[in-house]
């Protein structure tokens, strides 16, 4: 059932757009043979296989994380370590990079979720579910435009409809902006952990759980 739901989410997203990579439909030249769109979709389905109490909605996938893992705020290294609840530890690499990708924001997010005891009841997603990169630089990140962010609306609506009781947490202002345009008021807005925001992100999450 979760495989079907994951497919429904992915089917709302375009593929093949310029400087936007769809992890679950597009193929990357740096994917290993065992890590194409099918494998990323399977991991997404495993991640969705829970009864979530929280959604953490970030901005967009990054090249060190979701582009290869298929899960927001989740890096190749964390999957190789077996650190993600509900997902079997990897036995092979995801990318052809010499060393596995390790995304700082992903590590901060999962460490915080584990410390707060909510890692098994939290679904990670993004306002825009496509990786925005600079022209001819797939291993780069850029801020998505407002028009690009709007591409994430249909999938977000599906998530909210499927899990109406889950608390929506916007991680950063881009996610908050998109939710506002959709008429969805987040339960909380916390600082994005990137660019020195780790301590404020953690403090925001701790305050939310205390409430």
N, C-alpha and C. Protein backbone atom coordinates (compact mmCIF):
# COMPACT_ATOMS: atom_id res chain seq x y z
N UNK A 1 0.82 -1.21 0.00
CA UNK A 1 0.00 0.00 0.00
C UNK A 1 0.86 1.26 0.00
N UNK A 2 1.92 1.26 0.82
CA UNK A 2 2.80 2.42 0.86
C UNK A 2 3.55 2.60 -0.45
N UNK A 3 3.83 1.50 -1.14
CA UNK A 3 4.47 1.60 -2.45
C UNK A 3 3.55 2.36 -3.42
N UNK A 4 2.25 2.04 -3.34
CA UNK A 4 1.28 2.72 -4.20
C UNK A 4 1.19 4.21 -3.84
N UNK A 5 1.20 4.50 -2.55
CA UNK A 5 1.12 5.90 -2.12
C UNK A 5 2.37 6.67 -2.55
N UNK A 6 3.53 6.04 -2.40
CA UNK A 6 4.77 6.68 -2.84
C UNK A 6 4.70 6.98 -4.34
N UNK A 7 4.16 6.05 -5.10
CA UNK A 7 4.03 6.26 -6.54
C UNK A 7 3.07 7.42 -6.83
N UNK A 8 1.99 7.52 -6.07
CA UNK A 8 1.05 8.62 -6.27
C UNK A 8 1.72 9.97 -6.03
N UNK A 9 2.54 10.04 -4.97
CA UNK A 9 3.26 11.28 -4.69
C UNK A 9 4.21 11.64 -5.83
N UNK A 10 4.96 10.66 -6.27
CA UNK A 10 5.96 10.89 -7.32
C UNK A 10 5.30 11.25 -8.65
N UNK A 11 4.13 10.67 -8.90
CA UNK A 11 3.45 10.94 -10.16
C UNK A 11 2.93 12.38 -10.27
N UNK A 12 2.90 13.10 -9.16
CA UNK A 12 2.51 14.52 -9.23
C UNK A 12 3.66 15.39 -9.71
N UNK A 13 4.86 14.83 -9.76
CA UNK A 13 6.06 15.62 -10.05
C UNK A 13 6.51 15.48 -11.49
N UNK A 14 6.89 16.57 -12.14
CA UNK A 14 7.43 16.49 -13.50
C UNK A 14 8.84 15.91 -13.50
N UNK A 15 9.29 15.50 -14.65
CA UNK A 15 10.67 15.03 -14.79
C UNK A 15 11.25 15.61 -16.07
N UNK A 16 12.57 15.61 -16.13
CA UNK A 16 13.24 16.10 -17.32
C UNK A 16 13.28 17.61 -17.47
N UNK A 17 12.96 18.35 -16.40
CA UNK A 17 13.01 19.81 -16.47
C UNK A 17 14.45 20.30 -16.35
N UNK A 18 14.72 21.43 -16.97
CA UNK A 18 16.08 21.97 -16.97
C UNK A 18 16.50 22.37 -15.56
N UNK A 19 17.65 21.87 -15.15
CA UNK A 19 18.26 22.19 -13.86
C UNK A 19 17.39 21.81 -12.66
N UNK A 20 16.50 20.84 -12.85
CA UNK A 20 15.71 20.26 -11.77
C UNK A 20 15.74 18.74 -11.93
N UNK A 21 16.18 18.05 -10.89
CA UNK A 21 16.35 16.59 -10.97
C UNK A 21 15.29 15.91 -10.12
N UNK A 22 14.56 14.99 -10.74
CA UNK A 22 13.56 14.19 -10.04
C UNK A 22 14.20 12.87 -9.61
N UNK A 23 14.47 12.68 -8.31
CA UNK A 23 15.19 11.47 -7.87
C UNK A 23 14.48 10.18 -8.20
N UNK A 24 13.13 10.21 -8.32
CA UNK A 24 12.36 8.99 -8.48
C UNK A 24 11.95 8.71 -9.92
N UNK A 25 12.37 9.60 -10.84
CA UNK A 25 12.07 9.40 -12.26
C UNK A 25 13.28 9.60 -13.16
N UNK A 26 14.13 10.57 -12.81
CA UNK A 26 15.31 10.86 -13.63
C UNK A 26 16.49 10.00 -13.21
N UNK A 27 17.36 9.69 -14.15
CA UNK A 27 18.58 8.93 -13.86
C UNK A 27 19.78 9.86 -13.85
N UNK A 28 20.66 9.64 -12.89
CA UNK A 28 21.87 10.45 -12.76
C UNK A 28 23.08 9.63 -13.21
N UNK A 29 23.98 10.27 -13.92
CA UNK A 29 25.17 9.56 -14.42
C UNK A 29 26.05 9.06 -13.27
N UNK A 30 25.85 9.63 -12.08
CA UNK A 30 26.66 9.23 -10.93
C UNK A 30 25.94 8.25 -10.01
N UNK A 31 24.73 7.80 -10.39
CA UNK A 31 24.08 6.71 -9.67
C UNK A 31 24.84 5.41 -9.93
N UNK A 32 24.95 4.56 -8.93
CA UNK A 32 25.48 3.23 -9.17
C UNK A 32 24.42 2.39 -9.87
N UNK A 33 24.82 1.24 -10.38
CA UNK A 33 23.89 0.38 -11.13
C UNK A 33 22.71 -0.06 -10.27
N UNK A 34 22.93 -0.17 -8.97
CA UNK A 34 21.86 -0.62 -8.08
C UNK A 34 21.09 0.50 -7.41
N UNK A 35 21.21 1.71 -7.93
CA UNK A 35 20.52 2.85 -7.29
C UNK A 35 19.90 3.77 -8.33
N UNK A 36 18.91 3.24 -9.01
CA UNK A 36 18.17 4.07 -9.95
C UNK A 36 16.88 4.57 -9.35
N UNK A 37 16.01 5.14 -10.16
CA UNK A 37 14.72 5.65 -9.68
C UNK A 37 13.89 4.60 -8.94
N UNK A 38 13.94 3.34 -9.38
CA UNK A 38 13.16 2.29 -8.73
C UNK A 38 13.59 2.08 -7.30
N UNK A 39 14.89 2.01 -7.06
CA UNK A 39 15.40 1.78 -5.71
C UNK A 39 15.10 2.98 -4.79
N UNK A 40 15.17 4.17 -5.33
CA UNK A 40 14.87 5.36 -4.53
C UNK A 40 13.38 5.40 -4.16
N UNK A 41 12.54 4.96 -5.09
CA UNK A 41 11.11 4.91 -4.80
C UNK A 41 10.82 3.87 -3.72
N UNK A 42 11.50 2.74 -3.76
CA UNK A 42 11.32 1.71 -2.74
C UNK A 42 11.70 2.23 -1.35
N UNK A 43 12.80 2.98 -1.28
CA UNK A 43 13.20 3.55 0.03
C UNK A 43 12.19 4.58 0.50
N UNK A 44 11.68 5.38 -0.43
CA UNK A 44 10.66 6.36 -0.04
C UNK A 44 9.43 5.65 0.52
N UNK A 45 9.01 4.57 -0.12
CA UNK A 45 7.85 3.81 0.36
C UNK A 45 8.10 3.27 1.77
N UNK A 46 9.30 2.79 2.03
CA UNK A 46 9.64 2.30 3.36
C UNK A 46 9.57 3.43 4.38
N UNK A 47 10.05 4.59 4.00
CA UNK A 47 10.03 5.74 4.90
C UNK A 47 8.60 6.17 5.23
N UNK A 48 7.71 6.04 4.27
CA UNK A 48 6.31 6.43 4.46
C UNK A 48 5.51 5.40 5.25
N UNK A 49 6.09 4.24 5.48
CA UNK A 49 5.38 3.15 6.13
C UNK A 49 5.36 3.32 7.65
N UNK A 50 4.63 4.33 8.09
CA UNK A 50 4.50 4.60 9.52
C UNK A 50 3.21 5.40 9.74
N UNK A 51 2.87 5.60 10.99
CA UNK A 51 1.76 6.49 11.33
C UNK A 51 2.37 7.77 11.89
N UNK A 52 2.61 8.75 11.05
CA UNK A 52 3.40 9.90 11.48
C UNK A 52 2.65 10.83 12.44
N UNK A 53 3.39 11.31 13.39
CA UNK A 53 2.90 12.37 14.27
C UNK A 53 3.39 13.73 13.79
N UNK A 54 4.47 13.70 12.99
CA UNK A 54 5.08 14.94 12.53
C UNK A 54 5.49 14.83 11.06
N UNK A 55 5.37 15.95 10.35
CA UNK A 55 6.01 16.14 9.04
C UNK A 55 7.07 17.21 9.22
N UNK A 56 8.28 16.95 8.77
CA UNK A 56 9.30 17.98 8.67
C UNK A 56 9.42 18.35 7.20
N UNK A 57 9.05 19.57 6.87
CA UNK A 57 9.04 20.01 5.48
C UNK A 57 10.20 20.97 5.25
N UNK A 58 11.18 20.53 4.49
CA UNK A 58 12.33 21.36 4.17
C UNK A 58 12.11 22.16 2.90
N UNK A 59 13.20 22.65 2.33
CA UNK A 59 13.10 23.49 1.14
C UNK A 59 13.11 22.66 -0.14
N UNK A 60 14.20 21.92 -0.37
CA UNK A 60 14.34 21.14 -1.60
C UNK A 60 15.45 20.10 -1.39
N UNK A 61 15.44 19.02 -2.18
CA UNK A 61 16.52 18.03 -2.08
C UNK A 61 17.88 18.64 -2.38
N UNK A 62 18.90 18.08 -1.76
CA UNK A 62 20.28 18.49 -2.03
C UNK A 62 21.05 17.39 -2.72
N UNK A 63 22.15 17.76 -3.34
CA UNK A 63 22.92 16.76 -4.09
C UNK A 63 23.65 15.78 -3.18
N UNK A 64 23.86 16.13 -1.92
CA UNK A 64 24.52 15.22 -1.00
C UNK A 64 23.53 14.33 -0.25
N UNK A 65 22.24 14.56 -0.48
CA UNK A 65 21.23 13.83 0.28
C UNK A 65 20.21 13.14 -0.60
N UNK A 66 19.04 13.77 -0.72
CA UNK A 66 17.90 13.14 -1.38
C UNK A 66 18.15 12.78 -2.85
N UNK A 67 19.02 13.50 -3.53
CA UNK A 67 19.28 13.18 -4.94
C UNK A 67 19.67 11.72 -5.09
N UNK A 68 20.39 11.18 -4.12
CA UNK A 68 20.83 9.77 -4.21
C UNK A 68 20.09 8.85 -3.26
N UNK A 69 19.57 9.37 -2.17
CA UNK A 69 18.88 8.50 -1.20
C UNK A 69 17.40 8.33 -1.52
N UNK A 70 16.77 9.36 -2.10
CA UNK A 70 15.34 9.32 -2.35
C UNK A 70 14.50 9.72 -1.16
N UNK A 71 15.15 10.18 -0.08
CA UNK A 71 14.45 10.60 1.14
C UNK A 71 15.02 11.95 1.57
N UNK A 72 14.14 12.89 1.90
CA UNK A 72 14.58 14.21 2.32
C UNK A 72 15.45 14.13 3.57
N UNK A 73 16.43 15.02 3.67
CA UNK A 73 17.32 15.08 4.84
C UNK A 73 17.96 13.72 5.15
N UNK A 74 18.32 12.98 4.13
CA UNK A 74 18.88 11.63 4.34
C UNK A 74 20.03 11.41 3.37
N UNK A 75 21.21 11.10 3.90
CA UNK A 75 22.40 10.95 3.07
C UNK A 75 22.77 9.49 2.85
N UNK A 76 23.62 9.29 1.88
CA UNK A 76 24.15 7.96 1.58
C UNK A 76 24.86 7.38 2.81
N UNK A 77 25.63 8.19 3.49
CA UNK A 77 26.38 7.69 4.65
C UNK A 77 25.44 7.17 5.75
N UNK A 78 24.36 7.90 6.02
CA UNK A 78 23.42 7.48 7.06
C UNK A 78 22.77 6.15 6.69
N UNK A 79 22.47 5.95 5.41
CA UNK A 79 21.87 4.69 4.98
C UNK A 79 22.88 3.54 5.07
N UNK A 80 24.13 3.83 4.74
CA UNK A 80 25.16 2.80 4.86
C UNK A 80 25.38 2.40 6.32
N UNK A 81 25.16 3.33 7.22
CA UNK A 81 25.31 3.05 8.66
C UNK A 81 24.07 2.38 9.25
N UNK A 82 23.00 2.26 8.47
CA UNK A 82 21.77 1.69 8.99
C UNK A 82 21.10 2.57 10.02
N UNK A 83 21.26 3.89 9.86
CA UNK A 83 20.81 4.83 10.89
C UNK A 83 19.38 5.32 10.71
N UNK A 84 18.69 4.88 9.64
CA UNK A 84 17.35 5.40 9.35
C UNK A 84 16.30 4.35 9.70
N UNK A 85 15.39 4.66 10.62
CA UNK A 85 14.35 3.69 11.03
C UNK A 85 13.52 3.21 9.85
N UNK A 86 13.24 1.92 9.84
CA UNK A 86 12.37 1.35 8.81
C UNK A 86 13.04 1.03 7.50
N UNK A 87 14.32 1.36 7.37
CA UNK A 87 15.04 1.11 6.11
C UNK A 87 16.25 0.23 6.40
N UNK A 88 16.34 -0.87 5.68
CA UNK A 88 17.44 -1.81 5.88
C UNK A 88 18.79 -1.15 5.58
N UNK A 89 19.78 -1.54 6.33
CA UNK A 89 21.13 -1.02 6.09
C UNK A 89 21.61 -1.40 4.70
N UNK A 90 22.19 -0.44 4.00
CA UNK A 90 22.66 -0.70 2.64
C UNK A 90 23.82 -1.68 2.63
N UNK A 91 23.88 -2.48 1.58
CA UNK A 91 25.01 -3.38 1.39
C UNK A 91 25.90 -2.91 0.24
N UNK A 92 25.47 -1.86 -0.46
CA UNK A 92 26.26 -1.32 -1.56
C UNK A 92 26.13 0.18 -1.64
N UNK A 93 26.93 0.79 -2.48
CA UNK A 93 26.97 2.24 -2.62
C UNK A 93 25.79 2.76 -3.44
N UNK A 94 25.48 4.04 -3.23
CA UNK A 94 24.43 4.71 -3.99
C UNK A 94 25.01 5.59 -5.09
N UNK A 95 26.17 6.17 -4.84
CA UNK A 95 26.78 7.08 -5.81
C UNK A 95 28.16 6.56 -6.22
N UNK A 96 28.65 7.07 -7.35
CA UNK A 96 29.96 6.69 -7.83
C UNK A 96 31.08 7.58 -7.27
N UNK A 97 30.72 8.47 -6.37
CA UNK A 97 31.71 9.30 -5.72
C UNK A 97 32.68 8.42 -4.94
N UNK A 98 33.94 8.84 -4.86
CA UNK A 98 34.94 8.02 -4.19
C UNK A 98 34.54 7.69 -2.75
N UNK A 99 34.03 8.69 -2.04
CA UNK A 99 33.57 8.47 -0.67
C UNK A 99 32.07 8.74 -0.61
N UNK A 100 31.33 8.04 0.25
CA UNK A 100 29.88 8.26 0.34
C UNK A 100 29.55 9.70 0.70
N UNK A 101 28.48 10.20 0.13
CA UNK A 101 28.03 11.53 0.47
C UNK A 101 27.56 11.59 1.92
N UNK A 102 27.91 12.66 2.60
CA UNK A 102 27.47 12.90 3.97
C UNK A 102 26.95 14.32 4.04
N UNK A 103 25.66 14.48 4.19
CA UNK A 103 25.05 15.81 4.20
C UNK A 103 24.93 16.32 5.63
N UNK A 104 25.55 17.44 5.97
CA UNK A 104 25.50 17.95 7.34
C UNK A 104 24.08 18.13 7.87
N UNK A 105 23.19 18.71 7.06
CA UNK A 105 21.82 18.94 7.53
C UNK A 105 21.12 17.63 7.84
N UNK A 106 21.38 16.60 7.03
CA UNK A 106 20.75 15.30 7.26
C UNK A 106 21.19 14.72 8.61
N UNK A 107 22.46 14.80 8.89
CA UNK A 107 22.98 14.27 10.15
C UNK A 107 22.38 15.02 11.34
N UNK A 108 22.30 16.33 11.25
CA UNK A 108 21.73 17.14 12.33
C UNK A 108 20.27 16.78 12.56
N UNK A 109 19.51 16.66 11.48
CA UNK A 109 18.08 16.36 11.61
C UNK A 109 17.86 15.02 12.26
N UNK A 110 18.52 13.97 11.76
CA UNK A 110 18.28 12.64 12.31
C UNK A 110 18.81 12.51 13.74
N UNK A 111 19.93 13.14 14.05
CA UNK A 111 20.43 13.12 15.43
C UNK A 111 19.40 13.76 16.37
N UNK A 112 18.80 14.86 15.93
CA UNK A 112 17.81 15.55 16.75
C UNK A 112 16.55 14.69 16.93
N UNK A 113 16.07 14.10 15.84
CA UNK A 113 14.89 13.25 15.93
C UNK A 113 15.12 12.07 16.86
N UNK A 114 16.32 11.49 16.78
CA UNK A 114 16.63 10.37 17.67
C UNK A 114 16.69 10.81 19.13
N UNK A 115 17.32 11.94 19.38
CA UNK A 115 17.42 12.44 20.76
C UNK A 115 16.05 12.73 21.35
N UNK A 116 15.13 13.20 20.53
CA UNK A 116 13.78 13.54 21.00
C UNK A 116 12.84 12.34 21.01
N UNK A 117 13.30 11.21 20.47
CA UNK A 117 12.49 10.00 20.47
C UNK A 117 11.35 10.02 19.47
N UNK A 118 11.48 10.79 18.38
CA UNK A 118 10.40 10.87 17.40
C UNK A 118 10.84 10.43 16.00
N UNK A 119 11.97 9.76 15.91
CA UNK A 119 12.49 9.39 14.58
C UNK A 119 11.60 8.37 13.87
N UNK A 120 10.87 7.57 14.62
CA UNK A 120 10.03 6.53 14.01
C UNK A 120 8.63 7.02 13.67
N UNK A 121 8.31 8.24 14.06
CA UNK A 121 6.96 8.76 13.78
C UNK A 121 7.03 10.10 13.07
N UNK A 122 8.11 10.32 12.32
CA UNK A 122 8.29 11.57 11.58
C UNK A 122 8.56 11.26 10.11
N UNK A 123 7.84 11.93 9.24
CA UNK A 123 8.08 11.82 7.80
C UNK A 123 8.79 13.09 7.33
N UNK A 124 9.85 12.91 6.57
CA UNK A 124 10.64 14.02 6.04
C UNK A 124 10.25 14.25 4.59
N UNK A 125 10.04 15.52 4.25
CA UNK A 125 9.61 15.86 2.90
C UNK A 125 10.18 17.23 2.56
N UNK A 126 9.91 17.73 1.38
CA UNK A 126 10.38 19.05 0.97
C UNK A 126 9.27 19.84 0.31
N UNK A 127 9.35 21.17 0.41
CA UNK A 127 8.38 22.02 -0.28
C UNK A 127 8.43 21.75 -1.79
N UNK A 128 9.63 21.78 -2.34
CA UNK A 128 9.87 21.35 -3.71
C UNK A 128 10.59 20.01 -3.63
N UNK A 129 10.05 19.00 -4.29
CA UNK A 129 10.63 17.67 -4.18
C UNK A 129 11.62 17.35 -5.30
N UNK A 130 12.00 18.35 -6.05
CA UNK A 130 12.98 18.20 -7.13
C UNK A 130 14.27 18.91 -6.73
N UNK A 131 15.41 18.32 -7.09
CA UNK A 131 16.69 18.91 -6.72
C UNK A 131 17.05 20.05 -7.68
N UNK A 132 17.08 21.30 -7.19
CA UNK A 132 17.48 22.42 -8.04
C UNK A 132 19.00 22.58 -8.03
N UNK A 133 19.61 22.53 -9.21
CA UNK A 133 21.07 22.64 -9.30
C UNK A 133 21.45 23.69 -10.33
N UNK A 134 22.70 24.15 -10.23
CA UNK A 134 23.19 25.15 -11.15
C UNK A 134 23.45 24.53 -12.53
N UNK A 135 23.31 25.30 -13.61
CA UNK A 135 23.49 24.76 -14.96
C UNK A 135 24.79 23.97 -15.11
N UNK A 136 24.66 22.74 -15.60
CA UNK A 136 25.79 21.85 -15.87
C UNK A 136 26.60 21.51 -14.62
N UNK A 137 26.01 21.68 -13.44
CA UNK A 137 26.69 21.34 -12.19
C UNK A 137 25.75 20.49 -11.31
N UNK A 138 25.59 19.22 -11.63
CA UNK A 138 24.66 18.39 -10.86
C UNK A 138 25.04 18.27 -9.39
N UNK A 139 26.35 18.42 -9.08
CA UNK A 139 26.78 18.39 -7.68
C UNK A 139 26.83 19.82 -7.15
N UNK A 140 25.69 20.46 -7.18
CA UNK A 140 25.53 21.81 -6.62
C UNK A 140 24.09 21.97 -6.16
N UNK A 141 23.86 22.95 -5.32
CA UNK A 141 22.51 23.30 -4.87
C UNK A 141 22.26 24.76 -5.19
N UNK A 142 21.02 25.11 -5.41
CA UNK A 142 20.63 26.51 -5.58
C UNK A 142 19.25 26.71 -4.96
N UNK A 143 18.93 27.95 -4.68
CA UNK A 143 17.62 28.28 -4.12
C UNK A 143 16.56 28.16 -5.21
N UNK A 144 15.49 27.41 -4.98
CA UNK A 144 14.44 27.29 -6.01
C UNK A 144 13.67 28.60 -6.17
N UNK A 145 13.19 28.84 -7.37
CA UNK A 145 12.36 30.00 -7.62
C UNK A 145 10.95 29.76 -7.07
N UNK A 146 10.17 30.82 -6.99
CA UNK A 146 8.79 30.68 -6.52
C UNK A 146 7.98 29.78 -7.45
N UNK A 147 8.20 29.91 -8.75
CA UNK A 147 7.48 29.05 -9.70
C UNK A 147 7.87 27.59 -9.53
N UNK A 148 9.15 27.35 -9.25
CA UNK A 148 9.59 25.97 -9.02
C UNK A 148 8.98 25.41 -7.74
N UNK A 149 8.94 26.22 -6.70
CA UNK A 149 8.34 25.77 -5.44
C UNK A 149 6.90 25.34 -5.62
N UNK A 150 6.18 26.01 -6.50
CA UNK A 150 4.77 25.69 -6.70
C UNK A 150 4.57 24.28 -7.26
N UNK A 151 5.62 23.71 -7.84
CA UNK A 151 5.52 22.34 -8.37
C UNK A 151 5.31 21.32 -7.25
N UNK A 152 5.64 21.71 -6.02
CA UNK A 152 5.50 20.80 -4.89
C UNK A 152 4.13 20.75 -4.26
N UNK A 153 3.23 21.63 -4.68
CA UNK A 153 1.92 21.72 -4.04
C UNK A 153 1.11 20.42 -4.11
N UNK A 154 0.96 19.79 -5.27
CA UNK A 154 0.11 18.60 -5.34
C UNK A 154 0.54 17.48 -4.38
N UNK A 155 1.85 17.23 -4.29
CA UNK A 155 2.33 16.18 -3.40
C UNK A 155 2.08 16.54 -1.94
N UNK A 156 2.28 17.80 -1.58
CA UNK A 156 2.02 18.24 -0.21
C UNK A 156 0.56 18.06 0.15
N UNK A 157 -0.33 18.36 -0.78
CA UNK A 157 -1.76 18.18 -0.52
C UNK A 157 -2.09 16.71 -0.29
N UNK A 158 -1.47 15.82 -1.07
CA UNK A 158 -1.68 14.39 -0.87
C UNK A 158 -1.23 13.95 0.52
N UNK A 159 -0.08 14.44 0.96
CA UNK A 159 0.43 14.08 2.28
C UNK A 159 -0.52 14.54 3.38
N UNK A 160 -0.97 15.77 3.28
CA UNK A 160 -1.87 16.31 4.30
C UNK A 160 -3.18 15.53 4.33
N UNK A 161 -3.68 15.16 3.16
CA UNK A 161 -4.93 14.39 3.10
C UNK A 161 -4.77 12.99 3.66
N UNK A 162 -3.60 12.39 3.42
CA UNK A 162 -3.37 11.02 3.88
C UNK A 162 -3.15 10.95 5.39
N UNK A 163 -2.53 12.00 5.96
CA UNK A 163 -2.21 11.99 7.39
C UNK A 163 -2.67 13.31 8.02
N UNK A 164 -3.98 13.53 8.12
CA UNK A 164 -4.49 14.84 8.56
C UNK A 164 -4.16 15.19 10.01
N UNK A 165 -3.81 14.20 10.83
CA UNK A 165 -3.54 14.47 12.25
C UNK A 165 -2.07 14.79 12.52
N UNK A 166 -1.22 14.58 11.54
CA UNK A 166 0.21 14.84 11.74
C UNK A 166 0.48 16.34 11.81
N UNK A 167 1.38 16.73 12.70
CA UNK A 167 1.74 18.13 12.86
C UNK A 167 2.74 18.54 11.78
N UNK A 168 2.45 19.64 11.13
CA UNK A 168 3.28 20.12 10.02
C UNK A 168 4.32 21.11 10.54
N UNK A 169 5.59 20.77 10.39
CA UNK A 169 6.68 21.62 10.85
C UNK A 169 7.45 22.12 9.64
N UNK A 170 7.46 23.43 9.43
CA UNK A 170 8.21 24.02 8.33
C UNK A 170 9.64 24.24 8.76
N UNK A 171 10.57 23.67 8.00
CA UNK A 171 11.99 23.84 8.30
C UNK A 171 12.54 24.91 7.36
N UNK A 172 12.54 26.15 7.83
CA UNK A 172 12.99 27.25 7.00
C UNK A 172 11.83 28.03 6.40
N UNK A 173 12.14 29.21 5.89
CA UNK A 173 11.11 30.13 5.41
C UNK A 173 10.51 29.75 4.06
N UNK A 174 11.27 29.08 3.21
CA UNK A 174 10.72 28.67 1.92
C UNK A 174 9.57 27.70 2.11
N UNK A 175 9.74 26.73 3.01
CA UNK A 175 8.67 25.79 3.29
C UNK A 175 7.48 26.50 3.90
N UNK A 176 7.74 27.42 4.81
CA UNK A 176 6.67 28.18 5.45
C UNK A 176 5.90 29.00 4.41
N UNK A 177 6.62 29.60 3.47
CA UNK A 177 6.00 30.41 2.42
C UNK A 177 5.06 29.58 1.56
N UNK A 178 5.50 28.41 1.14
CA UNK A 178 4.67 27.57 0.28
C UNK A 178 3.43 27.07 1.02
N UNK A 179 3.61 26.64 2.26
CA UNK A 179 2.46 26.19 3.04
C UNK A 179 1.44 27.31 3.20
N UNK A 180 1.94 28.53 3.42
CA UNK A 180 1.04 29.67 3.55
C UNK A 180 0.24 29.91 2.29
N UNK A 181 0.90 29.79 1.13
CA UNK A 181 0.20 29.98 -0.15
C UNK A 181 -0.85 28.90 -0.38
N UNK A 182 -0.68 27.76 0.26
CA UNK A 182 -1.64 26.66 0.13
C UNK A 182 -2.75 26.73 1.17
N UNK A 183 -2.67 27.73 2.03
CA UNK A 183 -3.68 27.84 3.07
C UNK A 183 -3.46 26.88 4.23
N UNK A 184 -2.24 26.40 4.37
CA UNK A 184 -1.90 25.47 5.46
C UNK A 184 -1.05 26.21 6.48
N UNK A 185 -1.54 26.27 7.69
CA UNK A 185 -0.77 26.92 8.75
C UNK A 185 0.06 25.88 9.48
N UNK A 186 1.38 25.95 9.41
CA UNK A 186 2.21 24.95 10.09
C UNK A 186 2.08 25.03 11.60
N UNK A 187 2.25 23.91 12.24
CA UNK A 187 2.24 23.88 13.69
C UNK A 187 3.38 24.71 14.25
N UNK A 188 4.51 24.68 13.55
CA UNK A 188 5.68 25.43 13.98
C UNK A 188 6.59 25.70 12.79
N UNK A 189 7.42 26.72 12.92
CA UNK A 189 8.46 27.02 11.94
C UNK A 189 9.78 27.01 12.68
N UNK A 190 10.71 26.17 12.25
CA UNK A 190 12.01 26.09 12.90
C UNK A 190 13.10 26.48 11.92
N UNK A 191 14.21 26.89 12.44
CA UNK A 191 15.36 27.31 11.63
C UNK A 191 15.89 26.12 10.84
N UNK A 192 16.25 26.34 9.60
CA UNK A 192 16.90 25.29 8.82
C UNK A 192 18.29 25.04 9.42
N UNK A 193 18.72 23.78 9.54
CA UNK A 193 20.00 23.51 10.19
C UNK A 193 21.23 23.92 9.37
N UNK A 194 21.06 24.23 8.10
CA UNK A 194 22.21 24.60 7.27
C UNK A 194 22.74 25.98 7.64
N UNK A 195 23.98 26.23 7.23
CA UNK A 195 24.60 27.55 7.37
C UNK A 195 24.59 28.06 8.81
N UNK A 196 24.99 27.20 9.72
CA UNK A 196 25.11 27.60 11.11
C UNK A 196 23.82 27.58 11.90
N UNK A 197 22.79 26.95 11.35
CA UNK A 197 21.51 26.95 12.04
C UNK A 197 21.24 25.73 12.89
N UNK A 198 22.23 24.89 13.13
CA UNK A 198 22.02 23.62 13.83
C UNK A 198 21.44 23.81 15.22
N UNK A 199 22.04 24.71 16.01
CA UNK A 199 21.60 24.88 17.39
C UNK A 199 20.18 25.45 17.45
N UNK A 200 19.85 26.39 16.55
CA UNK A 200 18.51 26.96 16.54
C UNK A 200 17.48 25.94 16.06
N UNK A 201 17.86 25.09 15.11
CA UNK A 201 16.97 24.03 14.67
C UNK A 201 16.65 23.10 15.83
N UNK A 202 17.67 22.66 16.53
CA UNK A 202 17.48 21.75 17.65
C UNK A 202 16.65 22.39 18.75
N UNK A 203 16.94 23.65 19.07
CA UNK A 203 16.19 24.35 20.10
C UNK A 203 14.72 24.48 19.72
N UNK A 204 14.47 24.77 18.45
CA UNK A 204 13.09 24.88 17.98
C UNK A 204 12.34 23.57 18.09
N UNK A 205 13.01 22.46 17.78
CA UNK A 205 12.37 21.16 17.86
C UNK A 205 12.12 20.77 19.32
N UNK A 206 13.06 21.07 20.19
CA UNK A 206 12.89 20.76 21.62
C UNK A 206 11.68 21.52 22.18
N UNK A 207 11.56 22.79 21.81
CA UNK A 207 10.44 23.60 22.29
C UNK A 207 9.12 23.04 21.78
N UNK A 208 9.10 22.60 20.55
CA UNK A 208 7.88 22.02 19.97
C UNK A 208 7.45 20.77 20.72
N UNK A 209 8.39 19.88 21.00
CA UNK A 209 8.05 18.64 21.68
C UNK A 209 7.61 18.91 23.12
N UNK A 210 8.21 19.87 23.78
CA UNK A 210 7.80 20.22 25.14
C UNK A 210 6.35 20.70 25.20
N UNK A 211 5.95 21.39 24.15
CA UNK A 211 4.58 21.90 24.10
C UNK A 211 3.58 20.77 23.91
